[in-house]
């Protein structure tokens, strides 16, 4: 079985639920995808890292780091960094905080010592709905001097996120979308 099909199986088994939920964006939905149930699974994390690394490797612009908003992106960026190292092309990871660190540096970005100003980065997201959290991560990364050149989601719920990102000048690339589940 190929890696994409296997990852979809894991997502369907561990992350997808058909039930009514209130989303973090405030809307209602008849399905829920908890990406962390898959990205924190050993095989799921490996497959997420492999598939997203392949997207990054095939990018027309060289990606020099991967990051995203905590908590959804944390296991994803780590998985990609590990796979990139195994492949002999180490790409560091960083995490964007939801609020600045309260002590010490007051930093918004964790892992900043592995980054240089102007470095080209991909922002990763487990599940995109409206794109609001993705846009916050992009804004923080760019305020820190990083150049966001790619946005990758594990799942695009197809509820306006790609369009909102496009209006802001970013193209969303998703490994899976709504039709893969419904």
N, C-alpha and C. Protein backbone atom coordinates (compact mmCIF):
# COMPACT_ATOMS: atom_id res chain seq x y z
N UNK A 1 0.85 -1.19 0.00
CA UNK A 1 0.00 0.00 0.00
C UNK A 1 0.89 1.24 0.00
N UNK A 2 0.51 2.24 -0.81
CA UNK A 2 1.36 3.43 -0.83
C UNK A 2 1.16 4.27 0.43
N UNK A 3 2.11 5.14 0.69
CA UNK A 3 2.13 5.91 1.94
C UNK A 3 0.92 6.84 2.08
N UNK A 4 0.49 7.45 0.99
CA UNK A 4 -0.66 8.36 1.05
C UNK A 4 -1.93 7.60 1.44
N UNK A 5 -2.15 6.44 0.82
CA UNK A 5 -3.34 5.64 1.14
C UNK A 5 -3.30 5.18 2.59
N UNK A 6 -2.13 4.78 3.05
CA UNK A 6 -2.02 4.32 4.44
C UNK A 6 -2.28 5.47 5.40
N UNK A 7 -1.75 6.66 5.10
CA UNK A 7 -1.99 7.80 5.99
C UNK A 7 -3.48 8.14 6.02
N UNK A 8 -4.15 8.07 4.91
CA UNK A 8 -5.59 8.33 4.88
C UNK A 8 -6.33 7.31 5.74
N UNK A 9 -5.93 6.05 5.70
CA UNK A 9 -6.54 5.04 6.56
C UNK A 9 -6.39 5.41 8.03
N UNK A 10 -5.19 5.84 8.41
CA UNK A 10 -4.94 6.21 9.81
C UNK A 10 -5.78 7.43 10.19
N UNK A 11 -5.81 8.43 9.31
CA UNK A 11 -6.64 9.61 9.57
C UNK A 11 -8.11 9.23 9.76
N UNK A 12 -8.62 8.38 8.90
CA UNK A 12 -10.03 7.96 9.01
C UNK A 12 -10.27 7.19 10.31
N UNK A 13 -9.32 6.37 10.69
CA UNK A 13 -9.47 5.56 11.90
C UNK A 13 -9.32 6.38 13.18
N UNK A 14 -8.31 7.26 13.22
CA UNK A 14 -7.97 7.93 14.48
C UNK A 14 -8.43 9.38 14.59
N UNK A 15 -8.59 10.06 13.46
CA UNK A 15 -8.82 11.51 13.50
C UNK A 15 -10.21 11.96 13.06
N UNK A 16 -10.85 11.19 12.21
CA UNK A 16 -12.14 11.60 11.63
C UNK A 16 -13.31 11.10 12.46
N UNK A 17 -14.27 12.02 12.70
CA UNK A 17 -15.51 11.64 13.38
C UNK A 17 -16.67 12.31 12.66
N UNK A 18 -17.72 11.54 12.44
CA UNK A 18 -18.93 12.08 11.83
C UNK A 18 -19.88 12.43 12.97
N UNK A 19 -19.89 13.69 13.38
CA UNK A 19 -20.77 14.18 14.45
C UNK A 19 -20.82 15.69 14.37
N UNK A 20 -21.82 16.29 15.01
CA UNK A 20 -21.92 17.74 15.00
C UNK A 20 -20.93 18.32 16.01
N UNK A 21 -20.21 19.35 15.56
CA UNK A 21 -19.23 20.01 16.42
C UNK A 21 -19.26 21.51 16.17
N UNK A 22 -18.78 22.25 17.17
CA UNK A 22 -18.52 23.68 17.00
C UNK A 22 -17.03 23.81 16.77
N UNK A 23 -16.67 24.41 15.66
CA UNK A 23 -15.27 24.55 15.28
C UNK A 23 -14.61 25.72 15.99
N UNK A 24 -13.28 25.72 16.04
CA UNK A 24 -12.56 26.82 16.69
C UNK A 24 -12.84 28.14 15.99
N UNK A 25 -13.18 28.08 14.69
CA UNK A 25 -13.52 29.30 13.95
C UNK A 25 -14.92 29.81 14.30
N UNK A 26 -15.67 29.00 15.10
CA UNK A 26 -16.98 29.43 15.55
C UNK A 26 -18.15 28.78 14.82
N UNK A 27 -17.93 28.24 13.65
CA UNK A 27 -19.01 27.64 12.88
C UNK A 27 -19.35 26.24 13.36
N UNK A 28 -20.44 25.71 12.82
CA UNK A 28 -20.88 24.35 13.12
C UNK A 28 -20.52 23.45 11.94
N UNK A 29 -20.29 22.20 12.23
CA UNK A 29 -19.99 21.24 11.19
C UNK A 29 -20.55 19.88 11.58
N UNK A 30 -20.78 19.02 10.57
CA UNK A 30 -21.28 17.68 10.84
C UNK A 30 -20.15 16.65 10.84
N UNK A 31 -18.90 17.12 10.79
CA UNK A 31 -17.76 16.21 10.93
C UNK A 31 -16.61 16.93 11.62
N UNK A 32 -15.74 16.14 12.21
CA UNK A 32 -14.61 16.67 12.96
C UNK A 32 -13.37 15.90 12.56
N UNK A 33 -12.27 16.62 12.43
CA UNK A 33 -10.98 15.97 12.17
C UNK A 33 -9.99 16.49 13.21
N UNK A 34 -9.56 15.60 14.08
CA UNK A 34 -8.56 15.93 15.10
C UNK A 34 -7.22 15.40 14.59
N UNK A 35 -6.50 16.24 13.85
CA UNK A 35 -5.25 15.83 13.23
C UNK A 35 -4.22 15.31 14.19
N UNK A 36 -4.23 15.83 15.42
CA UNK A 36 -3.22 15.42 16.39
C UNK A 36 -3.31 13.93 16.74
N UNK A 37 -4.49 13.35 16.63
CA UNK A 37 -4.62 11.91 16.91
C UNK A 37 -3.77 11.10 15.93
N UNK A 38 -3.59 11.62 14.74
CA UNK A 38 -2.76 10.96 13.74
C UNK A 38 -1.31 11.41 13.81
N UNK A 39 -1.08 12.72 13.95
CA UNK A 39 0.30 13.21 13.94
C UNK A 39 1.07 12.82 15.20
N UNK A 40 0.37 12.42 16.25
CA UNK A 40 1.03 11.94 17.47
C UNK A 40 1.13 10.42 17.52
N UNK A 41 0.59 9.74 16.53
CA UNK A 41 0.74 8.30 16.38
C UNK A 41 2.09 8.06 15.70
N UNK A 42 2.81 7.04 16.10
CA UNK A 42 4.15 6.80 15.55
C UNK A 42 4.13 6.64 14.03
N UNK A 43 3.29 5.76 13.51
CA UNK A 43 3.23 5.56 12.07
C UNK A 43 2.66 6.79 11.38
N UNK A 44 1.65 7.39 11.98
CA UNK A 44 1.06 8.59 11.41
C UNK A 44 2.06 9.72 11.30
N UNK A 45 2.84 9.93 12.35
CA UNK A 45 3.86 10.99 12.33
C UNK A 45 4.89 10.73 11.23
N UNK A 46 5.31 9.48 11.13
CA UNK A 46 6.28 9.12 10.09
C UNK A 46 5.73 9.43 8.70
N UNK A 47 4.50 9.01 8.44
CA UNK A 47 3.91 9.21 7.12
C UNK A 47 3.66 10.68 6.83
N UNK A 48 3.22 11.43 7.83
CA UNK A 48 3.04 12.88 7.66
C UNK A 48 4.38 13.51 7.30
N UNK A 49 5.42 13.16 8.03
CA UNK A 49 6.76 13.69 7.73
C UNK A 49 7.21 13.35 6.33
N UNK A 50 7.01 12.09 5.91
CA UNK A 50 7.42 11.65 4.56
C UNK A 50 6.67 12.42 3.48
N UNK A 51 5.34 12.48 3.59
CA UNK A 51 4.54 13.09 2.53
C UNK A 51 4.75 14.60 2.44
N UNK A 52 4.86 15.25 3.57
CA UNK A 52 5.09 16.70 3.54
C UNK A 52 6.52 17.00 3.09
N UNK A 53 7.47 16.17 3.50
CA UNK A 53 8.84 16.36 3.02
C UNK A 53 8.88 16.25 1.49
N UNK A 54 8.14 15.31 0.92
CA UNK A 54 8.10 15.15 -0.54
C UNK A 54 7.54 16.40 -1.21
N UNK A 55 6.50 17.00 -0.63
CA UNK A 55 5.94 18.25 -1.16
C UNK A 55 7.01 19.35 -1.13
N UNK A 56 7.71 19.44 -0.02
CA UNK A 56 8.76 20.46 0.15
C UNK A 56 9.90 20.22 -0.83
N UNK A 57 10.31 18.97 -0.97
CA UNK A 57 11.42 18.62 -1.87
C UNK A 57 11.08 18.98 -3.32
N UNK A 58 9.82 18.85 -3.70
CA UNK A 58 9.40 19.13 -5.07
C UNK A 58 9.05 20.60 -5.30
N UNK A 59 9.13 21.41 -4.26
CA UNK A 59 8.79 22.83 -4.37
C UNK A 59 9.74 23.55 -5.32
N UNK A 60 9.20 24.47 -6.09
CA UNK A 60 10.04 25.25 -7.01
C UNK A 60 10.95 26.22 -6.27
N UNK A 61 10.61 26.55 -5.04
CA UNK A 61 11.44 27.40 -4.19
C UNK A 61 12.00 26.54 -3.07
N UNK A 62 13.29 26.61 -2.83
CA UNK A 62 13.92 25.82 -1.76
C UNK A 62 13.37 26.26 -0.41
N UNK A 63 12.89 25.29 0.35
CA UNK A 63 12.37 25.55 1.70
C UNK A 63 13.51 25.32 2.68
N UNK A 64 13.78 26.34 3.51
CA UNK A 64 14.92 26.27 4.42
C UNK A 64 14.53 25.99 5.87
N UNK A 65 13.22 26.01 6.18
CA UNK A 65 12.73 25.68 7.52
C UNK A 65 11.23 25.45 7.43
N UNK A 66 10.70 24.70 8.40
CA UNK A 66 9.26 24.46 8.50
C UNK A 66 8.78 24.85 9.88
N UNK A 67 7.62 25.46 9.93
CA UNK A 67 7.07 25.87 11.22
C UNK A 67 5.57 25.97 11.16
N UNK A 68 4.99 26.25 12.30
CA UNK A 68 3.55 26.42 12.37
C UNK A 68 3.12 26.75 13.77
N UNK A 69 1.84 27.05 13.87
CA UNK A 69 1.26 27.47 15.14
C UNK A 69 1.13 26.27 16.08
N UNK A 70 1.58 26.47 17.32
CA UNK A 70 1.40 25.43 18.33
C UNK A 70 -0.10 25.27 18.57
N UNK A 71 -0.58 24.21 18.72
CA UNK A 71 -0.15 22.89 19.06
C UNK A 71 -0.26 21.94 17.87
N UNK A 72 -1.13 22.28 16.94
CA UNK A 72 -1.38 21.38 15.80
C UNK A 72 -0.16 21.11 14.95
N UNK A 73 0.68 22.12 14.76
CA UNK A 73 1.83 21.95 13.88
C UNK A 73 3.04 21.33 14.58
N UNK A 74 3.07 21.31 15.89
CA UNK A 74 4.26 20.85 16.61
C UNK A 74 4.74 19.47 16.16
N UNK A 75 3.89 18.43 16.21
CA UNK A 75 4.41 17.12 15.78
C UNK A 75 4.70 17.06 14.28
N UNK A 76 4.00 17.86 13.49
CA UNK A 76 4.22 17.85 12.04
C UNK A 76 5.58 18.41 11.68
N UNK A 77 5.94 19.56 12.24
CA UNK A 77 7.23 20.16 11.90
C UNK A 77 8.38 19.30 12.39
N UNK A 78 8.19 18.66 13.54
CA UNK A 78 9.22 17.75 14.05
C UNK A 78 9.38 16.55 13.13
N UNK A 79 8.27 15.99 12.66
CA UNK A 79 8.34 14.84 11.76
C UNK A 79 9.05 15.20 10.46
N UNK A 80 8.74 16.36 9.90
CA UNK A 80 9.39 16.79 8.66
C UNK A 80 10.89 17.00 8.89
N UNK A 81 11.25 17.63 10.01
CA UNK A 81 12.67 17.86 10.31
C UNK A 81 13.41 16.52 10.42
N UNK A 82 12.82 15.55 11.10
CA UNK A 82 13.46 14.24 11.24
C UNK A 82 13.63 13.54 9.89
N UNK A 83 12.58 13.54 9.08
CA UNK A 83 12.67 12.91 7.76
C UNK A 83 13.72 13.61 6.90
N UNK A 84 13.74 14.94 6.94
CA UNK A 84 14.71 15.69 6.13
C UNK A 84 16.14 15.33 6.53
N UNK A 85 16.37 15.14 7.81
CA UNK A 85 17.69 14.73 8.28
C UNK A 85 18.04 13.34 7.75
N UNK A 86 17.09 12.42 7.85
CA UNK A 86 17.31 11.07 7.34
C UNK A 86 17.63 11.07 5.84
N UNK A 87 17.04 12.01 5.13
CA UNK A 87 17.22 12.11 3.68
C UNK A 87 18.49 12.89 3.31
N UNK A 88 19.24 13.35 4.30
CA UNK A 88 20.49 14.07 4.03
C UNK A 88 20.29 15.52 3.62
N UNK A 89 19.13 16.06 3.91
CA UNK A 89 18.79 17.45 3.56
C UNK A 89 18.13 18.10 4.78
N UNK A 90 18.88 18.30 5.87
CA UNK A 90 18.27 18.76 7.11
C UNK A 90 17.57 20.12 6.99
N UNK A 91 16.30 20.12 7.38
CA UNK A 91 15.47 21.32 7.39
C UNK A 91 15.04 21.53 8.83
N UNK A 92 15.45 22.64 9.46
CA UNK A 92 15.07 22.86 10.85
C UNK A 92 13.58 23.20 10.99
N UNK A 93 13.09 22.95 12.19
CA UNK A 93 11.70 23.24 12.52
C UNK A 93 11.64 24.40 13.50
N UNK A 94 10.50 25.09 13.48
CA UNK A 94 10.24 26.13 14.48
C UNK A 94 8.76 26.09 14.83
N UNK A 95 8.45 26.63 15.99
CA UNK A 95 7.07 26.65 16.48
C UNK A 95 6.69 28.10 16.77
N UNK A 96 5.51 28.47 16.31
CA UNK A 96 4.97 29.80 16.58
C UNK A 96 4.06 29.69 17.79
N UNK A 97 4.38 30.48 18.82
CA UNK A 97 3.56 30.48 20.04
C UNK A 97 2.25 31.24 19.80
N UNK A 98 1.24 30.93 20.61
CA UNK A 98 -0.04 31.67 20.54
C UNK A 98 0.06 32.98 21.30
N UNK A 99 1.00 33.04 22.22
CA UNK A 99 1.31 34.29 22.93
C UNK A 99 2.79 34.26 23.25
N UNK A 100 3.40 35.42 23.44
CA UNK A 100 4.85 35.42 23.66
C UNK A 100 5.22 34.73 24.97
N UNK A 101 6.42 34.18 24.98
CA UNK A 101 6.96 33.56 26.19
C UNK A 101 6.93 34.58 27.33
N UNK A 102 6.47 34.17 28.47
CA UNK A 102 6.29 35.10 29.59
C UNK A 102 7.61 35.43 30.31
N UNK A 103 8.60 34.58 30.18
CA UNK A 103 9.86 34.80 30.89
C UNK A 103 11.01 34.80 29.89
N UNK A 104 12.12 35.33 30.30
CA UNK A 104 13.33 35.29 29.47
C UNK A 104 13.23 36.17 28.24
N UNK A 105 13.12 35.54 27.09
CA UNK A 105 13.23 36.26 25.82
C UNK A 105 11.94 36.92 25.34
N UNK A 106 10.80 36.56 25.89
CA UNK A 106 9.49 37.03 25.41
C UNK A 106 9.28 36.67 23.94
N UNK A 107 9.84 35.57 23.51
CA UNK A 107 9.82 35.17 22.11
C UNK A 107 8.47 34.63 21.67
N UNK A 108 8.14 34.89 20.41
CA UNK A 108 6.97 34.31 19.75
C UNK A 108 7.35 33.02 19.03
N UNK A 109 8.63 32.90 18.64
CA UNK A 109 9.11 31.77 17.85
C UNK A 109 10.07 30.92 18.69
N UNK A 110 9.79 29.62 18.76
CA UNK A 110 10.71 28.67 19.39
C UNK A 110 11.53 28.01 18.29
N UNK A 111 12.82 27.85 18.53
CA UNK A 111 13.71 27.28 17.53
C UNK A 111 14.39 28.34 16.68
N UNK A 112 14.33 29.59 17.13
CA UNK A 112 14.84 30.72 16.33
C UNK A 112 16.35 30.68 16.11
N UNK A 113 17.10 30.00 16.98
CA UNK A 113 18.56 29.95 16.79
C UNK A 113 18.95 29.14 15.56
N UNK A 114 18.00 28.37 15.03
CA UNK A 114 18.25 27.59 13.81
C UNK A 114 17.85 28.35 12.55
N UNK A 115 17.41 29.60 12.72
CA UNK A 115 16.88 30.39 11.60
C UNK A 115 17.68 31.66 11.41
N UNK A 116 17.79 32.08 10.16
CA UNK A 116 18.40 33.37 9.85
C UNK A 116 17.31 34.28 9.30
N UNK A 117 17.48 35.56 9.47
CA UNK A 117 16.54 36.52 8.91
C UNK A 117 16.46 36.32 7.39
N UNK A 118 15.25 36.31 6.85
CA UNK A 118 15.05 36.15 5.41
C UNK A 118 14.99 34.72 4.93
N UNK A 119 15.14 33.74 5.84
CA UNK A 119 15.09 32.34 5.45
C UNK A 119 13.69 32.03 4.88
N UNK A 120 13.68 31.18 3.83
CA UNK A 120 12.42 30.80 3.17
C UNK A 120 11.81 29.62 3.92
N UNK A 121 10.55 29.79 4.35
CA UNK A 121 9.91 28.78 5.20
C UNK A 121 8.57 28.33 4.65
N UNK A 122 8.18 27.14 5.09
CA UNK A 122 6.84 26.62 4.84
C UNK A 122 6.11 26.62 6.18
N UNK A 123 4.88 27.10 6.18
CA UNK A 123 4.02 27.04 7.36
C UNK A 123 3.15 25.81 7.22
N UNK A 124 3.15 24.97 8.26
CA UNK A 124 2.37 23.74 8.26
C UNK A 124 1.19 23.87 9.21
N UNK A 125 0.11 23.20 8.86
CA UNK A 125 -1.12 23.22 9.66
C UNK A 125 -1.73 21.82 9.59
N UNK A 126 -2.26 21.33 10.71
CA UNK A 126 -2.88 19.99 10.64
C UNK A 126 -4.21 20.05 9.90
N UNK A 127 -5.11 20.93 10.31
CA UNK A 127 -6.42 21.04 9.67
C UNK A 127 -6.72 22.52 9.43
N UNK A 128 -7.07 22.86 8.20
CA UNK A 128 -7.43 24.25 7.85
C UNK A 128 -8.93 24.32 7.64
N UNK A 129 -9.56 25.29 8.33
CA UNK A 129 -10.98 25.55 8.14
C UNK A 129 -11.12 26.89 7.44
N UNK A 130 -10.99 27.98 8.20
CA UNK A 130 -11.09 29.33 7.61
C UNK A 130 -9.72 29.91 7.29
N UNK A 131 -8.68 29.31 7.81
CA UNK A 131 -7.32 29.80 7.59
C UNK A 131 -6.87 30.84 8.61
N UNK A 132 -7.71 31.15 9.58
CA UNK A 132 -7.36 32.18 10.57
C UNK A 132 -6.10 31.88 11.35
N UNK A 133 -5.97 30.68 11.87
CA UNK A 133 -4.76 30.36 12.65
C UNK A 133 -3.54 30.30 11.75
N UNK A 134 -3.72 29.86 10.52
CA UNK A 134 -2.61 29.82 9.57
C UNK A 134 -2.12 31.23 9.28
N UNK A 135 -3.05 32.15 9.07
CA UNK A 135 -2.67 33.56 8.82
C UNK A 135 -1.97 34.17 10.02
N UNK A 136 -2.37 33.79 11.25
CA UNK A 136 -1.67 34.28 12.45
C UNK A 136 -0.25 33.76 12.49
N UNK A 137 -0.07 32.50 12.17
CA UNK A 137 1.28 31.91 12.15
C UNK A 137 2.14 32.59 11.10
N UNK A 138 1.57 32.84 9.93
CA UNK A 138 2.30 33.53 8.85
C UNK A 138 2.72 34.92 9.31
N UNK A 139 1.79 35.66 9.90
CA UNK A 139 2.08 37.02 10.35
C UNK A 139 3.21 37.04 11.37
N UNK A 140 3.17 36.15 12.35
CA UNK A 140 4.23 36.09 13.37
C UNK A 140 5.57 35.72 12.74
N UNK A 141 5.56 34.75 11.84
CA UNK A 141 6.81 34.33 11.19
C UNK A 141 7.40 35.50 10.41
N UNK A 142 6.56 36.21 9.68
CA UNK A 142 7.06 37.33 8.87
C UNK A 142 7.50 38.50 9.75
N UNK A 143 6.84 38.72 10.87
CA UNK A 143 7.28 39.77 11.81
C UNK A 143 8.67 39.46 12.37
N UNK A 144 9.01 38.18 12.41
CA UNK A 144 10.33 37.75 12.90
C UNK A 144 11.36 37.71 11.79
N UNK A 145 10.98 38.17 10.59
CA UNK A 145 11.94 38.26 9.49
C UNK A 145 12.03 37.03 8.61
N UNK A 146 11.10 36.08 8.77
CA UNK A 146 11.09 34.89 7.94
C UNK A 146 10.27 35.16 6.68
N UNK A 147 10.60 34.49 5.59
CA UNK A 147 9.89 34.66 4.31
C UNK A 147 9.03 33.43 4.06
N UNK A 148 7.72 33.56 4.21
CA UNK A 148 6.80 32.44 4.01
C UNK A 148 6.58 32.25 2.51
N UNK A 149 7.01 31.09 2.00
CA UNK A 149 6.90 30.82 0.56
C UNK A 149 5.98 29.64 0.25
N UNK A 150 5.54 28.92 1.28
CA UNK A 150 4.66 27.78 1.06
C UNK A 150 3.80 27.56 2.30
N UNK A 151 2.56 27.14 2.08
CA UNK A 151 1.64 26.80 3.16
C UNK A 151 1.10 25.41 2.86
N UNK A 152 1.28 24.49 3.81
CA UNK A 152 0.87 23.10 3.60
C UNK A 152 -0.02 22.66 4.77
N UNK A 153 -1.16 22.07 4.42
CA UNK A 153 -2.05 21.51 5.42
C UNK A 153 -2.12 20.00 5.25
N UNK A 154 -2.28 19.31 6.35
CA UNK A 154 -2.55 17.89 6.28
C UNK A 154 -3.95 17.69 5.69
N UNK A 155 -4.92 18.48 6.20
CA UNK A 155 -6.30 18.39 5.71
C UNK A 155 -6.87 19.79 5.51
N UNK A 156 -7.44 20.02 4.35
CA UNK A 156 -8.21 21.24 4.07
C UNK A 156 -9.68 20.86 4.15
N UNK A 157 -10.40 21.44 5.12
CA UNK A 157 -11.82 21.17 5.29
C UNK A 157 -12.66 21.80 4.16
N UNK A 158 -12.01 22.63 3.33
CA UNK A 158 -12.68 23.31 2.22
C UNK A 158 -13.85 24.16 2.70
N UNK A 159 -13.56 24.96 3.73
CA UNK A 159 -14.58 25.86 4.27
C UNK A 159 -14.10 27.31 4.24
N UNK A 160 -13.37 27.66 3.18
CA UNK A 160 -12.95 29.03 2.97
C UNK A 160 -11.50 29.33 3.28
N UNK A 161 -10.79 28.41 3.89
CA UNK A 161 -9.40 28.66 4.27
C UNK A 161 -8.50 28.93 3.08
N UNK A 162 -8.59 28.10 2.06
CA UNK A 162 -7.73 28.28 0.88
C UNK A 162 -8.00 29.63 0.23
N UNK A 163 -9.27 30.02 0.15
CA UNK A 163 -9.63 31.31 -0.45
C UNK A 163 -9.12 32.48 0.39
N UNK A 164 -9.26 32.38 1.72
CA UNK A 164 -8.76 33.44 2.60
C UNK A 164 -7.25 33.58 2.50
N UNK A 165 -6.56 32.46 2.42
CA UNK A 165 -5.11 32.51 2.27
C UNK A 165 -4.73 33.11 0.92
N UNK A 166 -5.44 32.73 -0.13
CA UNK A 166 -5.15 33.25 -1.47
C UNK A 166 -5.34 34.76 -1.52
N UNK A 167 -6.40 35.27 -0.87
CA UNK A 167 -6.63 36.73 -0.82
C UNK A 167 -5.47 37.45 -0.14
N UNK A 168 -4.79 36.73 0.76
CA UNK A 168 -3.65 37.32 1.46
C UNK A 168 -2.33 37.03 0.75
N UNK A 169 -2.40 36.39 -0.40
CA UNK A 169 -1.19 36.16 -1.19
C UNK A 169 -0.51 34.83 -0.99
N UNK A 170 -1.20 33.86 -0.40
CA UNK A 170 -0.61 32.55 -0.11
C UNK A 170 -1.44 31.45 -0.75
N UNK A 171 -0.77 30.46 -1.30
CA UNK A 171 -1.43 29.31 -1.93
C UNK A 171 -1.40 28.14 -0.95
N UNK A 172 -2.55 27.59 -0.62
CA UNK A 172 -2.62 26.43 0.27
C UNK A 172 -2.45 25.15 -0.54
N UNK A 173 -1.57 24.30 -0.09
CA UNK A 173 -1.41 22.97 -0.66
C UNK A 173 -1.78 21.98 0.43
N UNK A 174 -2.74 21.10 0.16
CA UNK A 174 -3.20 20.15 1.18
C UNK A 174 -2.90 18.72 0.73
N UNK A 175 -2.53 17.90 1.69
CA UNK A 175 -2.31 16.48 1.43
C UNK A 175 -3.67 15.81 1.17
N UNK A 176 -4.68 16.18 1.98
CA UNK A 176 -6.04 15.65 1.84
C UNK A 176 -7.03 16.80 1.94
N UNK A 177 -8.24 16.56 1.43
CA UNK A 177 -9.31 17.55 1.59
C UNK A 177 -10.61 16.86 1.97
N UNK A 178 -11.63 17.67 2.12
CA UNK A 178 -12.94 17.21 2.58
C UNK A 178 -13.42 15.97 1.83
N UNK A 179 -13.29 15.96 0.51
CA UNK A 179 -13.82 14.85 -0.28
C UNK A 179 -13.12 13.52 0.01
N UNK A 180 -11.93 13.56 0.59
CA UNK A 180 -11.27 12.32 0.98
C UNK A 180 -11.95 11.64 2.16
N UNK A 181 -12.80 12.40 2.88
CA UNK A 181 -13.46 11.87 4.08
C UNK A 181 -14.97 11.71 3.92
N UNK A 182 -15.59 12.57 3.11
CA UNK A 182 -17.05 12.55 2.98
C UNK A 182 -17.48 12.03 1.63
